[in-house]
Amino acid sequence: MIADHHALRGADLDVILAAGHLLRLDATPPPEWGQTFSLMAQMREPLLDLGPQPPGQAPWHNWSGEVYGDFPAVDVSRLKAYVDLSEWGVEVRAGNERARHVYAARGFVETGRRRAYYPAGLGRREDAIVMTLDLPAEADALD
């Protein structure tokens, strides 16, 4: 979460929500931050989830789908004043070998496991593999 919500004051923001869990967010930041960028998602949620819910787990923890971001020219270095950009993380279903290999090929390493995190149908649960990417020191020094 961005610590200072006033940082992007003046940004133009459009959010489109459509049936079927479709989302599109288009944002035009102030000129010094860069050009218009978009986030798009097509998400699915299970019809029925009878498994126990761990305490503090978000209601959308078992949603799946695709998220795509298009950032043609955004000055990400400006974000470091508001968020910690030194480490990036993803959670991948343990059985999703393809995604694990894709992230590993881009430098992500497995750093943890959340036991029985995702519903796997018929009352079963599947682990989540936590993968992180540490950005090099020179990436943090962008200005």
C-alpha atoms as a PDB file:
ATOM      1  CA  MET A   1       0.000   0.000   0.000  1.00  0.00           C
ATOM      2  CA  ILE A   2       1.259   3.479  -0.768  1.00  0.00           C
ATOM      3  CA  ALA A   3       2.000   5.290   2.489  1.00  0.00           C
ATOM      4  CA  ASP A   4       1.136   8.770   1.223  1.00  0.00           C
ATOM      5  CA  HIS A   5      -2.022   8.699  -0.862  1.00  0.00           C
ATOM      6  CA  HIS A   6      -1.440  12.324  -1.876  1.00  0.00           C
ATOM      7  CA  ALA A   7       1.619  11.313  -3.905  1.00  0.00           C
ATOM      8  CA  LEU A   8      -0.448  10.784  -7.046  1.00  0.00           C
ATOM      9  CA  ARG A   9      -2.908  13.616  -6.551  1.00  0.00           C
ATOM     10  CA  GLY A  10      -4.029  14.811  -9.946  1.00  0.00           C
ATOM     11  CA  ALA A  11      -3.803  11.360 -11.495  1.00  0.00           C
ATOM     12  CA  ASP A  12      -6.684  10.388 -13.778  1.00  0.00           C
ATOM     13  CA  LEU A  13      -8.116   7.005 -12.803  1.00  0.00           C
ATOM     14  CA  ASP A  14     -10.717   4.856 -14.578  1.00  0.00           C
ATOM     15  CA  VAL A  15     -11.914   1.555 -13.137  1.00  0.00           C
ATOM     16  CA  ILE A  16     -14.125  -0.837 -15.085  1.00  0.00           C
ATOM     17  CA  LEU A  17     -15.744  -3.819 -13.374  1.00  0.00           C
ATOM     18  CA  ALA A  18     -17.680  -6.242 -15.531  1.00  0.00           C
ATOM     19  CA  ALA A  19     -19.709  -9.383 -14.943  1.00  0.00           C
ATOM     20  CA  GLY A  20     -17.611 -12.488 -14.635  1.00  0.00           C
ATOM     21  CA  HIS A  21     -14.952 -10.916 -12.430  1.00  0.00           C
ATOM     22  CA  LEU A  22     -13.363  -8.815 -15.155  1.00  0.00           C
ATOM     23  CA  LEU A  23     -11.431  -5.761 -14.034  1.00  0.00           C
ATOM     24  CA  ARG A  24      -9.581  -3.035 -15.876  1.00  0.00           C
ATOM     25  CA  LEU A  25      -7.882  -0.092 -14.243  1.00  0.00           C
ATOM     26  CA  ASP A  26      -6.421   2.695 -16.403  1.00  0.00           C
ATOM     27  CA  ALA A  27      -4.429   5.412 -14.691  1.00  0.00           C
ATOM     28  CA  THR A  28      -2.771   8.511 -16.045  1.00  0.00           C
ATOM     29  CA  PRO A  29      -0.289   9.765 -13.461  1.00  0.00           C
ATOM     30  CA  PRO A  30       1.141  13.273 -13.341  1.00  0.00           C
ATOM     31  CA  PRO A  31       3.585  13.806 -16.257  1.00  0.00           C
ATOM     32  CA  GLU A  32       6.716  13.443 -14.102  1.00  0.00           C
ATOM     33  CA  TRP A  33       5.593   9.904 -13.135  1.00  0.00           C
ATOM     34  CA  GLY A  34       5.186   8.705 -16.723  1.00  0.00           C
ATOM     35  CA  GLN A  35       2.521   7.686 -19.215  1.00  0.00           C
ATOM     36  CA  THR A  36      -0.885   6.081 -18.832  1.00  0.00           C
ATOM     37  CA  PHE A  37      -0.732   2.502 -17.577  1.00  0.00           C
ATOM     38  CA  SER A  38      -3.284  -0.293 -17.329  1.00  0.00           C
ATOM     39  CA  LEU A  39      -3.965  -3.271 -15.088  1.00  0.00           C
ATOM     40  CA  MET A  40      -6.345  -5.949 -16.337  1.00  0.00           C
ATOM     41  CA  ALA A  41      -7.596  -9.085 -14.613  1.00  0.00           C
ATOM     42  CA  GLN A  42      -9.924 -11.953 -15.351  1.00  0.00           C
ATOM     43  CA  MET A  43     -10.557 -13.785 -12.098  1.00  0.00           C
ATOM     44  CA  ARG A  44     -12.540 -16.855 -11.110  1.00  0.00           C
ATOM     45  CA  GLU A  45     -13.793 -18.017  -7.760  1.00  0.00           C
ATOM     46  CA  PRO A  46     -14.923 -21.508  -6.852  1.00  0.00           C
ATOM     47  CA  LEU A  47     -18.627 -22.208  -6.886  1.00  0.00           C
ATOM     48  CA  LEU A  48     -18.408 -23.959  -3.535  1.00  0.00           C
ATOM     49  CA  ASP A  49     -15.661 -23.865  -0.897  1.00  0.00           C
ATOM     50  CA  LEU A  50     -16.362 -26.037   2.111  1.00  0.00           C
ATOM     51  CA  GLY A  51     -12.831 -26.107   3.501  1.00  0.00           C
ATOM     52  CA  PRO A  52     -11.842 -24.383   6.739  1.00  0.00           C
ATOM     53  CA  GLN A  53     -10.672 -20.794   6.403  1.00  0.00           C
ATOM     54  CA  PRO A  54      -7.432 -19.921   8.209  1.00  0.00           C
ATOM     55  CA  PRO A  55      -7.811 -16.886  10.497  1.00  0.00           C
ATOM     56  CA  GLY A  56      -7.116 -13.564   8.821  1.00  0.00           C
ATOM     57  CA  GLN A  57      -7.288 -15.004   5.310  1.00  0.00           C
ATOM     58  CA  ALA A  58      -8.713 -12.643   2.695  1.00  0.00           C
ATOM     59  CA  PRO A  59     -12.077 -13.685   1.206  1.00  0.00           C
ATOM     60  CA  TRP A  60     -10.529 -13.861  -2.285  1.00  0.00           C
ATOM     61  CA  HIS A  61      -7.620 -16.135  -1.249  1.00  0.00           C
ATOM     62  CA  ASN A  62      -8.982 -18.960  -3.384  1.00  0.00           C
ATOM     63  CA  TRP A  63      -9.643 -16.952  -6.523  1.00  0.00           C
ATOM     64  CA  SER A  64      -7.551 -17.785  -9.543  1.00  0.00           C
ATOM     65  CA  GLY A  65      -7.025 -16.142 -12.887  1.00  0.00           C
ATOM     66  CA  GLU A  66      -4.774 -13.930 -14.890  1.00  0.00           C
ATOM     67  CA  VAL A  67      -3.546 -10.419 -14.157  1.00  0.00           C
ATOM     68  CA  TYR A  68      -1.756  -8.340 -16.754  1.00  0.00           C
ATOM     69  CA  GLY A  69      -0.067  -4.986 -16.336  1.00  0.00           C
ATOM     70  CA  ASP A  70       0.923  -2.654 -19.174  1.00  0.00           C
ATOM     71  CA  PHE A  71       3.400   0.005 -18.027  1.00  0.00           C
ATOM     72  CA  PRO A  72       4.818   1.525 -21.250  1.00  0.00           C
ATOM     73  CA  ALA A  73       6.743   4.319 -19.540  1.00  0.00           C
ATOM     74  CA  VAL A  74       6.382   4.695 -15.781  1.00  0.00           C
ATOM     75  CA  ASP A  75       9.105   6.036 -13.495  1.00  0.00           C
ATOM     76  CA  VAL A  76       9.009   3.265 -10.869  1.00  0.00           C
ATOM     77  CA  SER A  77      11.914   4.872  -9.002  1.00  0.00           C
ATOM     78  CA  ARG A  78       9.472   7.515  -7.720  1.00  0.00           C
ATOM     79  CA  LEU A  79       7.558   4.804  -5.840  1.00  0.00           C
ATOM     80  CA  LYS A  80      10.490   3.983  -3.540  1.00  0.00           C
ATOM     81  CA  ALA A  81       9.657   7.044  -1.427  1.00  0.00           C
ATOM     82  CA  TYR A  82       6.291   5.441  -0.644  1.00  0.00           C
ATOM     83  CA  VAL A  83       6.774   1.651  -0.832  1.00  0.00           C
ATOM     84  CA  ASP A  84       9.626  -0.800  -0.275  1.00  0.00           C
ATOM     85  CA  LEU A  85      10.715  -2.027  -3.715  1.00  0.00           C
ATOM     86  CA  SER A  86      13.657  -4.126  -2.524  1.00  0.00           C
ATOM     87  CA  GLU A  87      11.753  -7.421  -2.595  1.00  0.00           C
ATOM     88  CA  TRP A  88       9.003  -8.711  -4.842  1.00  0.00           C
ATOM     89  CA  GLY A  89       6.956 -11.793  -4.054  1.00  0.00           C
ATOM     90  CA  VAL A  90       4.405 -14.149  -5.546  1.00  0.00           C
ATOM     91  CA  GLU A  91       2.458 -17.138  -4.288  1.00  0.00           C
ATOM     92  CA  VAL A  92       2.066 -20.102  -6.618  1.00  0.00           C
ATOM     93  CA  ARG A  93       0.083 -23.308  -6.158  1.00  0.00           C
ATOM     94  CA  ALA A  94       2.505 -26.119  -5.315  1.00  0.00           C
ATOM     95  CA  GLY A  95       1.156 -28.172  -8.223  1.00  0.00           C
ATOM     96  CA  ASN A  96       1.666 -25.388 -10.769  1.00  0.00           C
ATOM     97  CA  GLU A  97       5.117 -26.476 -11.958  1.00  0.00           C
ATOM     98  CA  ARG A  98       4.962 -24.325 -15.084  1.00  0.00           C
ATOM     99  CA  ALA A  99       4.459 -21.100 -13.129  1.00  0.00           C
ATOM    100  CA  ARG A 100       7.169 -22.064 -10.645  1.00  0.00           C
ATOM    101  CA  HIS A 101       9.636 -22.614 -13.509  1.00  0.00           C
ATOM    102  CA  VAL A 102       8.666 -19.339 -15.192  1.00  0.00           C
ATOM    103  CA  TYR A 103       9.284 -17.359 -11.997  1.00  0.00           C
ATOM    104  CA  ALA A 104      12.515 -19.258 -11.217  1.00  0.00           C
ATOM    105  CA  ALA A 105      13.818 -18.457 -14.707  1.00  0.00           C
ATOM    106  CA  ARG A 106      13.332 -14.779 -13.879  1.00  0.00           C
ATOM    107  CA  GLY A 107      15.298 -14.967 -10.644  1.00  0.00           C
ATOM    108  CA  PHE A 108      12.574 -15.728  -8.096  1.00  0.00           C
ATOM    109  CA  VAL A 109      13.546 -18.255  -5.419  1.00  0.00           C
ATOM    110  CA  GLU A 110      11.323 -20.335  -3.162  1.00  0.00           C
ATOM    111  CA  THR A 111      11.378 -18.814   0.317  1.00  0.00           C
ATOM    112  CA  GLY A 112       8.428 -20.406   2.037  1.00  0.00           C
ATOM    113  CA  ARG A 113       5.346 -22.568   1.941  1.00  0.00           C
ATOM    114  CA  ARG A 114       1.822 -21.902   3.176  1.00  0.00           C
ATOM    115  CA  ARG A 115       0.398 -25.289   4.113  1.00  0.00           C
ATOM    116  CA  ALA A 116      -3.094 -26.120   2.836  1.00  0.00           C
ATOM    117  CA  TYR A 117      -3.572 -22.551   1.602  1.00  0.00           C
ATOM    118  CA  TYR A 118      -5.633 -23.104  -1.560  1.00  0.00           C
ATOM    119  CA  PRO A 119      -8.811 -25.186  -1.886  1.00  0.00           C
ATOM    120  CA  ALA A 120      -8.178 -28.140  -4.215  1.00  0.00           C
ATOM    121  CA  GLY A 121     -11.713 -29.522  -4.519  1.00  0.00           C
ATOM    122  CA  LEU A 122     -13.532 -32.292  -2.703  1.00  0.00           C
ATOM    123  CA  GLY A 123     -12.523 -30.848   0.667  1.00  0.00           C
ATOM    124  CA  ARG A 124      -8.797 -31.096  -0.107  1.00  0.00           C
ATOM    125  CA  ARG A 125      -6.297 -28.229   0.187  1.00  0.00           C
ATOM    126  CA  GLU A 126      -3.111 -27.400  -1.726  1.00  0.00           C
ATOM    127  CA  ASP A 127       0.030 -25.671  -0.462  1.00  0.00           C
ATOM    128  CA  ALA A 128       1.121 -22.270  -1.732  1.00  0.00           C
ATOM    129  CA  ILE A 129       4.793 -21.829  -2.600  1.00  0.00           C
ATOM    130  CA  VAL A 130       6.098 -18.367  -1.688  1.00  0.00           C
ATOM    131  CA  MET A 131       8.690 -17.086  -4.145  1.00  0.00           C
ATOM    132  CA  THR A 132      10.608 -13.814  -3.803  1.00  0.00           C
ATOM    133  CA  LEU A 133      12.894 -11.736  -5.979  1.00  0.00           C
ATOM    134  CA  ASP A 134      15.483  -9.516  -4.341  1.00  0.00           C
ATOM    135  CA  LEU A 135      16.302  -6.549  -6.515  1.00  0.00           C
ATOM    136  CA  PRO A 136      19.989  -5.666  -6.815  1.00  0.00           C
ATOM    137  CA  ALA A 137      21.264  -2.626  -4.927  1.00  0.00           C
ATOM    138  CA  GLU A 138      21.651  -0.637  -8.148  1.00  0.00           C
ATOM    139  CA  ALA A 139      17.915  -1.080  -8.873  1.00  0.00           C
ATOM    140  CA  ASP A 140      17.146   0.594  -5.548  1.00  0.00           C
ATOM    141  CA  ALA A 141      19.393   3.501  -6.488  1.00  0.00           C
ATOM    142  CA  LEU A 142      17.326   4.540  -9.514  1.00  0.00           C
ATOM    143  CA  ASP A 143      16.933   8.301  -9.765  1.00  0.00           C
END
